[in-house]
């Protein structure tokens, strides 16, 4: 099943982070994301205008809230950088990849996005 068709689910305490192999396999579905030392994933989104960035951020934030998985977000004028990791596993879980795929789908459909 595609990551964007899945939903995030809570990771109980004691859940292990994804292995390097699991990260690589899931990462194939979100090739625009950078794996940062196996602890988090990160992507920069670019927009035509500042307001395009802010409007999309509201959409992205709603997606994250619907999944109950909340990223670190950095706004730099017409760029937004999103960092994902799962606090309860102190690293990466499938939830990070699911949310990344959903954010990518939203960005790809957004008229103010800039490739």
PDB file of N, CA and C in Angstrom:
ATOM      1  N   UNK A   1       0.852  -1.187   0.000  1.00  0.00           N
ATOM      2  CA  UNK A   1       0.000   0.000   0.000  1.00  0.00           C
ATOM      3  C   UNK A   1       0.893   1.244   0.000  1.00  0.00           C
ATOM      4  N   UNK A   2       0.508   2.217  -0.770  1.00  0.00           N
ATOM      5  CA  UNK A   2       1.231   3.477  -0.840  1.00  0.00           C
ATOM      6  C   UNK A   2       1.208   4.189   0.509  1.00  0.00           C
ATOM      7  N   UNK A   3       2.302   4.838   0.840  1.00  0.00           N
ATOM      8  CA  UNK A   3       2.374   5.562   2.115  1.00  0.00           C
ATOM      9  C   UNK A   3       1.275   6.608   2.235  1.00  0.00           C
ATOM     10  N   UNK A   4       0.975   7.285   1.143  1.00  0.00           N
ATOM     11  CA  UNK A   4      -0.026   8.357   1.232  1.00  0.00           C
ATOM     12  C   UNK A   4      -1.428   7.841   1.481  1.00  0.00           C
ATOM     13  N   UNK A   5      -1.646   6.533   1.330  1.00  0.00           N
ATOM     14  CA  UNK A   5      -2.951   5.935   1.605  1.00  0.00           C
ATOM     15  C   UNK A   5      -3.040   5.336   3.012  1.00  0.00           C
ATOM     16  N   UNK A   6      -1.948   5.398   3.745  1.00  0.00           N
ATOM     17  CA  UNK A   6      -1.938   4.898   5.123  1.00  0.00           C
ATOM     18  C   UNK A   6      -2.232   6.041   6.083  1.00  0.00           C
ATOM     19  N   UNK A   7      -2.411   5.692   7.338  1.00  0.00           N
ATOM     20  CA  UNK A   7      -2.607   6.701   8.386  1.00  0.00           C
ATOM     21  C   UNK A   7      -1.622   6.446   9.518  1.00  0.00           C
ATOM     22  N   UNK A   8      -1.194   7.520  10.130  1.00  0.00           N
ATOM     23  CA  UNK A   8      -0.283   7.420  11.268  1.00  0.00           C
ATOM     24  C   UNK A   8      -1.006   6.764  12.436  1.00  0.00           C
ATOM     25  N   UNK A   9      -0.250   6.014  13.206  1.00  0.00           N
ATOM     26  CA  UNK A   9      -0.814   5.389  14.403  1.00  0.00           C
ATOM     27  C   UNK A   9       0.178   5.588  15.547  1.00  0.00           C
ATOM     28  N   UNK A  10      -0.331   5.682  16.762  1.00  0.00           N
ATOM     29  CA  UNK A  10       0.554   5.923  17.908  1.00  0.00           C
ATOM     30  C   UNK A  10       1.612   4.828  18.055  1.00  0.00           C
ATOM     31  N   UNK A  11       2.797   5.249  18.446  1.00  0.00           N
ATOM     32  CA  UNK A  11       3.887   4.307  18.746  1.00  0.00           C
ATOM     33  C   UNK A  11       3.949   4.149  20.263  1.00  0.00           C
ATOM     34  N   UNK A  12       3.649   2.973  20.761  1.00  0.00           N
ATOM     35  CA  UNK A  12       3.696   2.776  22.212  1.00  0.00           C
ATOM     36  C   UNK A  12       5.114   2.965  22.744  1.00  0.00           C
ATOM     37  N   UNK A  13       5.254   3.381  23.997  1.00  0.00           N
ATOM     38  CA  UNK A  13       6.584   3.476  24.585  1.00  0.00           C
ATOM     39  C   UNK A  13       7.327   2.156  24.428  1.00  0.00           C
ATOM     40  N   UNK A  14       8.592   2.238  24.107  1.00  0.00           N
ATOM     41  CA  UNK A  14       9.399   1.044  23.909  1.00  0.00           C
ATOM     42  C   UNK A  14       9.477   0.599  22.454  1.00  0.00           C
ATOM     43  N   UNK A  15       8.711   1.241  21.574  1.00  0.00           N
ATOM     44  CA  UNK A  15       8.778   0.912  20.152  1.00  0.00           C
ATOM     45  C   UNK A  15      10.159   1.304  19.628  1.00  0.00           C
ATOM     46  N   UNK A  16      10.775   0.412  18.897  1.00  0.00           N
ATOM     47  CA  UNK A  16      12.105   0.680  18.337  1.00  0.00           C
ATOM     48  C   UNK A  16      11.992   1.550  17.087  1.00  0.00           C
ATOM     49  N   UNK A  17      12.979   2.421  16.858  1.00  0.00           N
ATOM     50  CA  UNK A  17      12.994   3.182  15.603  1.00  0.00           C
ATOM     51  C   UNK A  17      13.220   2.235  14.421  1.00  0.00           C
ATOM     52  N   UNK A  18      12.915   2.718  13.242  1.00  0.00           N
ATOM     53  CA  UNK A  18      13.118   1.919  12.034  1.00  0.00           C
ATOM     54  C   UNK A  18      14.592   1.595  11.836  1.00  0.00           C
ATOM     55  N   UNK A  19      14.852   0.436  11.295  1.00  0.00           N
ATOM     56  CA  UNK A  19      16.222   0.055  10.948  1.00  0.00           C
ATOM     57  C   UNK A  19      16.661   0.836   9.707  1.00  0.00           C
ATOM     58  N   UNK A  20      17.939   0.817   9.442  1.00  0.00           N
ATOM     59  CA  UNK A  20      18.480   1.474   8.251  1.00  0.00           C
ATOM     60  C   UNK A  20      17.833   0.909   6.995  1.00  0.00           C
ATOM     61  N   UNK A  21      17.632  -0.395   6.962  1.00  0.00           N
ATOM     62  CA  UNK A  21      17.017  -1.050   5.804  1.00  0.00           C
ATOM     63  C   UNK A  21      15.566  -0.603   5.638  1.00  0.00           C
ATOM     64  N   UNK A  22      14.821  -0.528   6.728  1.00  0.00           N
ATOM     65  CA  UNK A  22      13.429  -0.081   6.662  1.00  0.00           C
ATOM     66  C   UNK A  22      13.358   1.375   6.208  1.00  0.00           C
ATOM     67  N   UNK A  23      14.273   2.204   6.697  1.00  0.00           N
ATOM     68  CA  UNK A  23      14.315   3.601   6.278  1.00  0.00           C
ATOM     69  C   UNK A  23      14.571   3.707   4.778  1.00  0.00           C
ATOM     70  N   UNK A  24      15.491   2.922   4.272  1.00  0.00           N
ATOM     71  CA  UNK A  24      15.822   2.956   2.845  1.00  0.00           C
ATOM     72  C   UNK A  24      14.624   2.524   1.997  1.00  0.00           C
ATOM     73  N   UNK A  25      13.950   1.475   2.417  1.00  0.00           N
ATOM     74  CA  UNK A  25      12.793   0.975   1.663  1.00  0.00           C
ATOM     75  C   UNK A  25      11.676   2.015   1.623  1.00  0.00           C
ATOM     76  N   UNK A  26      11.344   2.582   2.778  1.00  0.00           N
ATOM     77  CA  UNK A  26      10.293   3.600   2.822  1.00  0.00           C
ATOM     78  C   UNK A  26      10.739   4.872   2.116  1.00  0.00           C
ATOM     79  N   UNK A  27      12.011   5.197   2.210  1.00  0.00           N
ATOM     80  CA  UNK A  27      12.548   6.400   1.572  1.00  0.00           C
ATOM     81  C   UNK A  27      12.408   6.383   0.063  1.00  0.00           C
ATOM     82  N   UNK A  28      12.317   5.204  -0.529  1.00  0.00           N
ATOM     83  CA  UNK A  28      12.122   5.118  -1.982  1.00  0.00           C
ATOM     84  C   UNK A  28      10.803   5.751  -2.418  1.00  0.00           C
ATOM     85  N   UNK A  29       9.829   5.804  -1.520  1.00  0.00           N
ATOM     86  CA  UNK A  29       8.530   6.401  -1.846  1.00  0.00           C
ATOM     87  C   UNK A  29       8.517   7.915  -1.654  1.00  0.00           C
ATOM     88  N   UNK A  30       9.541   8.450  -1.013  1.00  0.00           N
ATOM     89  CA  UNK A  30       9.614   9.906  -0.803  1.00  0.00           C
ATOM     90  C   UNK A  30      11.023  10.395  -1.173  1.00  0.00           C
ATOM     91  N   UNK A  31      11.403  10.276  -2.443  1.00  0.00           N
ATOM     92  CA  UNK A  31      12.787  10.562  -2.844  1.00  0.00           C
ATOM     93  C   UNK A  31      13.230  12.011  -2.667  1.00  0.00           C
ATOM     94  N   UNK A  32      12.305  12.937  -2.491  1.00  0.00           N
ATOM     95  CA  UNK A  32      12.684  14.340  -2.319  1.00  0.00           C
ATOM     96  C   UNK A  32      13.090  14.670  -0.883  1.00  0.00           C
ATOM     97  N   UNK A  33      12.932  13.714   0.019  1.00  0.00           N
ATOM     98  CA  UNK A  33      13.278  13.924   1.419  1.00  0.00           C
ATOM     99  C   UNK A  33      14.698  13.458   1.683  1.00  0.00           C
ATOM    100  N   UNK A  34      15.384  14.178   2.556  1.00  0.00           N
ATOM    101  CA  UNK A  34      16.766  13.850   2.933  1.00  0.00           C
ATOM    102  C   UNK A  34      16.742  13.144   4.292  1.00  0.00           C
ATOM    103  N   UNK A  35      17.420  12.018   4.367  1.00  0.00           N
ATOM    104  CA  UNK A  35      17.568  11.314   5.629  1.00  0.00           C
ATOM    105  C   UNK A  35      18.752  11.933   6.372  1.00  0.00           C
ATOM    106  N   UNK A  36      18.511  12.394   7.569  1.00  0.00           N
ATOM    107  CA  UNK A  36      19.541  13.074   8.366  1.00  0.00           C
ATOM    108  C   UNK A  36      20.051  12.128   9.449  1.00  0.00           C
ATOM    109  N   UNK A  37      21.107  11.420   9.163  1.00  0.00           N
ATOM    110  CA  UNK A  37      21.759  10.537  10.130  1.00  0.00           C
ATOM    111  C   UNK A  37      20.860   9.445  10.705  1.00  0.00           C
ATOM    112  N   UNK A  38      19.804   9.090   9.973  1.00  0.00           N
ATOM    113  CA  UNK A  38      18.915   8.039  10.447  1.00  0.00           C
ATOM    114  C   UNK A  38      18.033   8.440  11.612  1.00  0.00           C
ATOM    115  N   UNK A  39      18.082   9.714  12.003  1.00  0.00           N
ATOM    116  CA  UNK A  39      17.305  10.169  13.157  1.00  0.00           C
ATOM    117  C   UNK A  39      16.091  10.992  12.771  1.00  0.00           C
ATOM    118  N   UNK A  40      16.132  11.619  11.596  1.00  0.00           N
ATOM    119  CA  UNK A  40      15.021  12.442  11.129  1.00  0.00           C
ATOM    120  C   UNK A  40      15.104  12.548   9.616  1.00  0.00           C
ATOM    121  N   UNK A  41      13.990  12.962   9.014  1.00  0.00           N
ATOM    122  CA  UNK A  41      13.990  13.254   7.595  1.00  0.00           C
ATOM    123  C   UNK A  41      13.599  14.721   7.416  1.00  0.00           C
ATOM    124  N   UNK A  42      14.054  15.299   6.314  1.00  0.00           N
ATOM    125  CA  UNK A  42      13.867  16.734   6.112  1.00  0.00           C
ATOM    126  C   UNK A  42      13.621  17.011   4.635  1.00  0.00           C
ATOM    127  N   UNK A  43      12.775  17.999   4.374  1.00  0.00           N
ATOM    128  CA  UNK A  43      12.552  18.446   3.005  1.00  0.00           C
ATOM    129  C   UNK A  43      12.324  19.943   2.990  1.00  0.00           C
ATOM    130  N   UNK A  44      12.825  20.571   1.929  1.00  0.00           N
ATOM    131  CA  UNK A  44      12.574  21.989   1.686  1.00  0.00           C
ATOM    132  C   UNK A  44      11.544  22.115   0.573  1.00  0.00           C
ATOM    133  N   UNK A  45      10.514  22.907   0.821  1.00  0.00           N
ATOM    134  CA  UNK A  45       9.487  23.201  -0.172  1.00  0.00           C
ATOM    135  C   UNK A  45       9.665  24.658  -0.608  1.00  0.00           C
ATOM    136  N   UNK A  46       9.572  24.909  -1.915  1.00  0.00           N
ATOM    137  CA  UNK A  46       9.721  26.269  -2.451  1.00  0.00           C
ATOM    138  C   UNK A  46       8.412  26.723  -3.073  1.00  0.00           C
ATOM    139  N   UNK A  47       8.146  28.027  -2.925  1.00  0.00           N
ATOM    140  CA  UNK A  47       6.889  28.601  -3.378  1.00  0.00           C
ATOM    141  C   UNK A  47       7.142  29.859  -4.201  1.00  0.00           C
ATOM    142  N   UNK A  48       6.127  30.250  -4.961  1.00  0.00           N
ATOM    143  CA  UNK A  48       6.238  31.422  -5.825  1.00  0.00           C
ATOM    144  C   UNK A  48       6.279  32.710  -5.008  1.00  0.00           C
ATOM    145  N   UNK A  49       5.498  32.761  -3.945  1.00  0.00           N
ATOM    146  CA  UNK A  49       5.446  33.958  -3.104  1.00  0.00           C
ATOM    147  C   UNK A  49       5.425  33.559  -1.626  1.00  0.00           C
ATOM    148  N   UNK A  50       5.659  34.545  -0.780  1.00  0.00           N
ATOM    149  CA  UNK A  50       5.575  34.321   0.660  1.00  0.00           C
ATOM    150  C   UNK A  50       4.178  33.845   1.050  1.00  0.00           C
ATOM    151  N   UNK A  51       3.143  34.499   0.494  1.00  0.00           N
ATOM    152  CA  UNK A  51       1.775  34.128   0.855  1.00  0.00           C
ATOM    153  C   UNK A  51       1.416  32.736   0.352  1.00  0.00           C
ATOM    154  N   UNK A  52       1.970  32.323  -0.792  1.00  0.00           N
ATOM    155  CA  UNK A  52       1.767  30.939  -1.238  1.00  0.00           C
ATOM    156  C   UNK A  52       2.326  29.973  -0.200  1.00  0.00           C
ATOM    157  N   UNK A  53       3.497  30.287   0.323  1.00  0.00           N
ATOM    158  CA  UNK A  53       4.118  29.434   1.344  1.00  0.00           C
ATOM    159  C   UNK A  53       3.239  29.355   2.591  1.00  0.00           C
ATOM    160  N   UNK A  54       2.752  30.491   3.039  1.00  0.00           N
ATOM    161  CA  UNK A  54       1.939  30.515   4.258  1.00  0.00           C
ATOM    162  C   UNK A  54       0.613  29.794   4.053  1.00  0.00           C
ATOM    163  N   UNK A  55      -0.007  29.992   2.893  1.00  0.00           N
ATOM    164  CA  UNK A  55      -1.286  29.313   2.622  1.00  0.00           C
ATOM    165  C   UNK A  55      -1.086  27.797   2.572  1.00  0.00           C
ATOM    166  N   UNK A  56      -0.015  27.348   1.908  1.00  0.00           N
ATOM    167  CA  UNK A  56       0.229  25.909   1.868  1.00  0.00           C
ATOM    168  C   UNK A  56       0.562  25.382   3.267  1.00  0.00           C
ATOM    169  N   UNK A  57       1.280  26.168   4.048  1.00  0.00           N
ATOM    170  CA  UNK A  57       1.631  25.743   5.402  1.00  0.00           C
ATOM    171  C   UNK A  57       0.374  25.449   6.214  1.00  0.00           C
ATOM    172  N   UNK A  58      -0.649  26.254   6.042  1.00  0.00           N
ATOM    173  CA  UNK A  58      -1.907  26.000   6.741  1.00  0.00           C
ATOM    174  C   UNK A  58      -2.497  24.655   6.307  1.00  0.00           C
ATOM    175  N   UNK A  59      -2.426  24.362   5.018  1.00  0.00           N
ATOM    176  CA  UNK A  59      -2.914  23.074   4.511  1.00  0.00           C
ATOM    177  C   UNK A  59      -2.062  21.929   5.060  1.00  0.00           C
ATOM    178  N   UNK A  60      -0.746  22.102   5.021  1.00  0.00           N
ATOM    179  CA  UNK A  60       0.157  21.080   5.540  1.00  0.00           C
ATOM    180  C   UNK A  60      -0.036  20.844   7.027  1.00  0.00           C
ATOM    181  N   UNK A  61      -0.253  21.918   7.764  1.00  0.00           N
ATOM    182  CA  UNK A  61      -0.480  21.796   9.207  1.00  0.00           C
ATOM    183  C   UNK A  61      -1.773  21.042   9.491  1.00  0.00           C
ATOM    184  N   UNK A  62      -2.785  21.252   8.665  1.00  0.00           N
ATOM    185  CA  UNK A  62      -4.051  20.525   8.849  1.00  0.00           C
ATOM    186  C   UNK A  62      -3.858  19.037   8.572  1.00  0.00           C
ATOM    187  N   UNK A  63      -3.085  18.707   7.541  1.00  0.00           N
ATOM    188  CA  UNK A  63      -2.782  17.307   7.241  1.00  0.00           C
ATOM    189  C   UNK A  63      -2.074  16.665   8.432  1.00  0.00           C
ATOM    190  N   UNK A  64      -1.072  17.355   8.964  1.00  0.00           N
ATOM    191  CA  UNK A  64      -0.323  16.832  10.114  1.00  0.00           C
ATOM    192  C   UNK A  64      -1.240  16.642  11.318  1.00  0.00           C
ATOM    193  N   UNK A  65      -2.086  17.602  11.562  1.00  0.00           N
ATOM    194  CA  UNK A  65      -2.981  17.494  12.709  1.00  0.00           C
ATOM    195  C   UNK A  65      -3.974  16.347  12.525  1.00  0.00           C
ATOM    196  N   UNK A  66      -4.467  16.164  11.300  1.00  0.00           N
ATOM    197  CA  UNK A  66      -5.379  15.050  11.027  1.00  0.00           C
ATOM    198  C   UNK A  66      -4.702  13.707  11.282  1.00  0.00           C
ATOM    199  N   UNK A  67      -3.400  13.641  11.043  1.00  0.00           N
ATOM    200  CA  UNK A  67      -2.638  12.411  11.276  1.00  0.00           C
ATOM    201  C   UNK A  67      -2.121  12.317  12.713  1.00  0.00           C
ATOM    202  N   UNK A  68      -2.325  13.379  13.494  1.00  0.00           N
ATOM    203  CA  UNK A  68      -1.833  13.458  14.869  1.00  0.00           C
ATOM    204  C   UNK A  68      -0.321  13.201  14.931  1.00  0.00           C
ATOM    205  N   UNK A  69       0.371  13.772  13.946  1.00  0.00           N
ATOM    206  CA  UNK A  69       1.836  13.642  13.879  1.00  0.00           C
ATOM    207  C   UNK A  69       2.368  15.012  13.454  1.00  0.00           C
ATOM    208  N   UNK A  70       3.028  15.689  14.362  1.00  0.00           N
ATOM    209  CA  UNK A  70       3.316  17.113  14.194  1.00  0.00           C
ATOM    210  C   UNK A  70       4.805  17.372  13.949  1.00  0.00           C
ATOM    211  N   UNK A  71       5.128  17.919  12.785  1.00  0.00           N
ATOM    212  CA  UNK A  71       6.527  18.142  12.402  1.00  0.00           C
ATOM    213  C   UNK A  71       7.099  19.422  12.993  1.00  0.00           C
ATOM    214  N   UNK A  72       8.415  19.526  12.902  1.00  0.00           N
ATOM    215  CA  UNK A  72       9.087  20.797  13.150  1.00  0.00           C
ATOM    216  C   UNK A  72       9.053  21.554  11.828  1.00  0.00           C
ATOM    217  N   UNK A  73       8.659  22.827  11.888  1.00  0.00           N
ATOM    218  CA  UNK A  73       8.455  23.621  10.674  1.00  0.00           C
ATOM    219  C   UNK A  73       9.277  24.898  10.783  1.00  0.00           C
ATOM    220  N   UNK A  74       9.984  25.216   9.699  1.00  0.00           N
ATOM    221  CA  UNK A  74      10.793  26.437   9.627  1.00  0.00           C
ATOM    222  C   UNK A  74      10.368  27.209   8.381  1.00  0.00           C
ATOM    223  N   UNK A  75      10.025  28.478   8.559  1.00  0.00           N
ATOM    224  CA  UNK A  75       9.598  29.313   7.439  1.00  0.00           C
ATOM    225  C   UNK A  75      10.702  30.317   7.125  1.00  0.00           C
ATOM    226  N   UNK A  76      11.120  30.340   5.857  1.00  0.00           N
ATOM    227  CA  UNK A  76      12.152  31.252   5.378  1.00  0.00           C
ATOM    228  C   UNK A  76      11.632  31.941   4.115  1.00  0.00           C
ATOM    229  N   UNK A  77      10.875  32.987   4.272  1.00  0.00           N
ATOM    230  CA  UNK A  77      10.308  33.769   3.180  1.00  0.00           C
ATOM    231  C   UNK A  77       9.504  32.884   2.236  1.00  0.00           C
ATOM    232  N   UNK A  78      10.045  32.469   1.087  1.00  0.00           N
ATOM    233  CA  UNK A  78       9.302  31.651   0.128  1.00  0.00           C
ATOM    234  C   UNK A  78       9.693  30.176   0.212  1.00  0.00           C
ATOM    235  N   UNK A  79      10.305  29.776   1.326  1.00  0.00           N
ATOM    236  CA  UNK A  79      10.715  28.385   1.529  1.00  0.00           C
ATOM    237  C   UNK A  79      10.204  27.906   2.877  1.00  0.00           C
ATOM    238  N   UNK A  80       9.808  26.664   2.890  1.00  0.00           N
ATOM    239  CA  UNK A  80       9.422  26.020   4.151  1.00  0.00           C
ATOM    240  C   UNK A  80      10.239  24.745   4.271  1.00  0.00           C
ATOM    241  N   UNK A  81      10.857  24.567   5.419  1.00  0.00           N
ATOM    242  CA  UNK A  81      11.617  23.349   5.691  1.00  0.00           C
ATOM    243  C   UNK A  81      10.858  22.568   6.762  1.00  0.00           C
ATOM    244  N   UNK A  82      10.595  21.313   6.454  1.00  0.00           N
ATOM    245  CA  UNK A  82       9.883  20.438   7.382  1.00  0.00           C
ATOM    246  C   UNK A  82      10.844  19.351   7.837  1.00  0.00           C
ATOM    247  N   UNK A  83      10.868  19.101   9.128  1.00  0.00           N
ATOM    248  CA  UNK A  83      11.655  18.011   9.714  1.00  0.00           C
ATOM    249  C   UNK A  83      10.703  17.071  10.440  1.00  0.00           C
ATOM    250  N   UNK A  84      10.882  15.794  10.185  1.00  0.00           N
ATOM    251  CA  UNK A  84      10.040  14.785  10.813  1.00  0.00           C
ATOM    252  C   UNK A  84      10.884  13.776  11.569  1.00  0.00           C
ATOM    253  N   UNK A  85      10.411  13.427  12.742  1.00  0.00           N
ATOM    254  CA  UNK A  85      10.956  12.333  13.532  1.00  0.00           C
ATOM    255  C   UNK A  85       9.938  12.021  14.605  1.00  0.00           C
ATOM    256  N   UNK A  86      10.038  10.855  15.182  1.00  0.00           N
ATOM    257  CA  UNK A  86       9.055  10.414  16.159  1.00  0.00           C
ATOM    258  C   UNK A  86       9.681  10.448  17.548  1.00  0.00           C
ATOM    259  N   UNK A  87       9.166  11.319  18.372  1.00  0.00           N
ATOM    260  CA  UNK A  87       9.725  11.525  19.706  1.00  0.00           C
ATOM    261  C   UNK A  87       9.709  10.253  20.550  1.00  0.00           C
ATOM    262  N   UNK A  88       8.609   9.499  20.479  1.00  0.00           N
ATOM    263  CA  UNK A  88       8.502   8.323  21.357  1.00  0.00           C
ATOM    264  C   UNK A  88       9.496   7.223  21.003  1.00  0.00           C
ATOM    265  N   UNK A  89      10.009   7.211  19.768  1.00  0.00           N
ATOM    266  CA  UNK A  89      11.005   6.199  19.407  1.00  0.00           C
ATOM    267  C   UNK A  89      12.399   6.807  19.333  1.00  0.00           C
ATOM    268  N   UNK A  90      12.473   8.125  19.545  1.00  0.00           N
ATOM    269  CA  UNK A  90      13.742   8.849  19.466  1.00  0.00           C
ATOM    270  C   UNK A  90      14.461   8.576  18.141  1.00  0.00           C
ATOM    271  N   UNK A  91      13.682   8.642  17.081  1.00  0.00           N
ATOM    272  CA  UNK A  91      14.206   8.402  15.741  1.00  0.00           C
ATOM    273  C   UNK A  91      13.063   8.370  14.750  1.00  0.00           C
ATOM    274  N   UNK A  92      13.198   7.545  13.739  1.00  0.00           N
ATOM    275  CA  UNK A  92      12.207   7.492  12.671  1.00  0.00           C
ATOM    276  C   UNK A  92      11.256   6.311  12.826  1.00  0.00           C
ATOM    277  N   UNK A  93       9.982   6.583  12.546  1.00  0.00           N
ATOM    278  CA  UNK A  93       8.961   5.541  12.499  1.00  0.00           C
ATOM    279  C   UNK A  93       8.265   5.638  11.143  1.00  0.00           C
ATOM    280  N   UNK A  94       7.443   4.655  10.854  1.00  0.00           N
ATOM    281  CA  UNK A  94       6.692   4.704   9.593  1.00  0.00           C
ATOM    282  C   UNK A  94       5.823   5.959   9.520  1.00  0.00           C
ATOM    283  N   UNK A  95       5.371   6.469  10.660  1.00  0.00           N
ATOM    284  CA  UNK A  95       4.551   7.676  10.675  1.00  0.00           C
ATOM    285  C   UNK A  95       5.241   8.845   9.981  1.00  0.00           C
ATOM    286  N   UNK A  96       6.542   8.965  10.145  1.00  0.00           N
ATOM    287  CA  UNK A  96       7.277  10.064   9.516  1.00  0.00           C
ATOM    288  C   UNK A  96       7.187   9.974   7.995  1.00  0.00           C
ATOM    289  N   UNK A  97       7.295   8.779   7.476  1.00  0.00           N
ATOM    290  CA  UNK A  97       7.249   8.560   6.030  1.00  0.00           C
ATOM    291  C   UNK A  97       5.829   8.737   5.492  1.00  0.00           C
ATOM    292  N   UNK A  98       4.845   8.324   6.270  1.00  0.00           N
ATOM    293  CA  UNK A  98       3.445   8.518   5.877  1.00  0.00           C
ATOM    294  C   UNK A  98       3.139  10.000   5.756  1.00  0.00           C
ATOM    295  N   UNK A  99       3.489  10.768   6.785  1.00  0.00           N
ATOM    296  CA  UNK A  99       3.207  12.202   6.745  1.00  0.00           C
ATOM    297  C   UNK A  99       3.990  12.883   5.626  1.00  0.00           C
ATOM    298  N   UNK A 100       5.230  12.493   5.420  1.00  0.00           N
ATOM    299  CA  UNK A 100       6.032  13.069   4.333  1.00  0.00           C
ATOM    300  C   UNK A 100       5.346  12.841   2.985  1.00  0.00           C
ATOM    301  N   UNK A 101       4.841  11.646   2.754  1.00  0.00           N
ATOM    302  CA  UNK A 101       4.166  11.335   1.489  1.00  0.00           C
ATOM    303  C   UNK A 101       2.896  12.164   1.322  1.00  0.00           C
ATOM    304  N   UNK A 102       2.167  12.353   2.389  1.00  0.00           N
ATOM    305  CA  UNK A 102       0.940  13.151   2.328  1.00  0.00           C
ATOM    306  C   UNK A 102       1.265  14.629   2.074  1.00  0.00           C
ATOM    307  N   UNK A 103       2.316  15.138   2.708  1.00  0.00           N
ATOM    308  CA  UNK A 103       2.719  16.525   2.471  1.00  0.00           C
ATOM    309  C   UNK A 103       3.188  16.715   1.033  1.00  0.00           C
ATOM    310  N   UNK A 104       3.933  15.751   0.508  1.00  0.00           N
ATOM    311  CA  UNK A 104       4.383  15.830  -0.884  1.00  0.00           C
ATOM    312  C   UNK A 104       3.200  15.863  -1.842  1.00  0.00           C
ATOM    313  N   UNK A 105       2.205  15.026  -1.609  1.00  0.00           N
ATOM    314  CA  UNK A 105       1.025  14.991  -2.472  1.00  0.00           C
ATOM    315  C   UNK A 105       0.314  16.339  -2.454  1.00  0.00           C
ATOM    316  N   UNK A 106       0.187  16.920  -1.285  1.00  0.00           N
ATOM    317  CA  UNK A 106      -0.446  18.231  -1.153  1.00  0.00           C
ATOM    318  C   UNK A 106       0.359  19.298  -1.895  1.00  0.00           C
ATOM    319  N   UNK A 107       1.670  19.291  -1.718  1.00  0.00           N
ATOM    320  CA  UNK A 107       2.538  20.262  -2.374  1.00  0.00           C
ATOM    321  C   UNK A 107       2.461  20.122  -3.898  1.00  0.00           C
ATOM    322  N   UNK A 108       2.475  18.898  -4.385  1.00  0.00           N
ATOM    323  CA  UNK A 108       2.438  18.665  -5.833  1.00  0.00           C
ATOM    324  C   UNK A 108       1.159  19.166  -6.467  1.00  0.00           C
ATOM    325  N   UNK A 109       0.072  19.189  -5.703  1.00  0.00           N
ATOM    326  CA  UNK A 109      -1.221  19.673  -6.206  1.00  0.00           C
ATOM    327  C   UNK A 109      -1.437  21.154  -5.953  1.00  0.00           C
ATOM    328  N   UNK A 110      -0.531  21.795  -5.235  1.00  0.00           N
ATOM    329  CA  UNK A 110      -0.720  23.191  -4.819  1.00  0.00           C
ATOM    330  C   UNK A 110      -0.310  24.133  -5.946  1.00  0.00           C
ATOM    331  N   UNK A 111      -1.192  25.044  -6.378  1.00  0.00           N
ATOM    332  CA  UNK A 111      -0.857  25.915  -7.502  1.00  0.00           C
ATOM    333  C   UNK A 111       0.278  26.903  -7.235  1.00  0.00           C
ATOM    334  N   UNK A 112       0.575  27.222  -5.979  1.00  0.00           N
ATOM    335  CA  UNK A 112       1.634  28.172  -5.662  1.00  0.00           C
ATOM    336  C   UNK A 112       2.986  27.529  -5.446  1.00  0.00           C
ATOM    337  N   UNK A 113       3.076  26.212  -5.677  1.00  0.00           N
ATOM    338  CA  UNK A 113       4.357  25.534  -5.467  1.00  0.00           C
ATOM    339  C   UNK A 113       5.318  25.858  -6.603  1.00  0.00           C
ATOM    340  N   UNK A 114       6.587  25.735  -6.288  1.00  0.00           N
ATOM    341  CA  UNK A 114       7.651  26.015  -7.267  1.00  0.00           C
ATOM    342  C   UNK A 114       8.598  24.822  -7.276  1.00  0.00           C
ATOM    343  N   UNK A 115       8.755  24.216  -8.412  1.00  0.00           N
ATOM    344  CA  UNK A 115       9.627  23.033  -8.504  1.00  0.00           C
ATOM    345  C   UNK A 115      11.079  23.405  -8.365  1.00  0.00           C
TER     346      UNK A 115
END
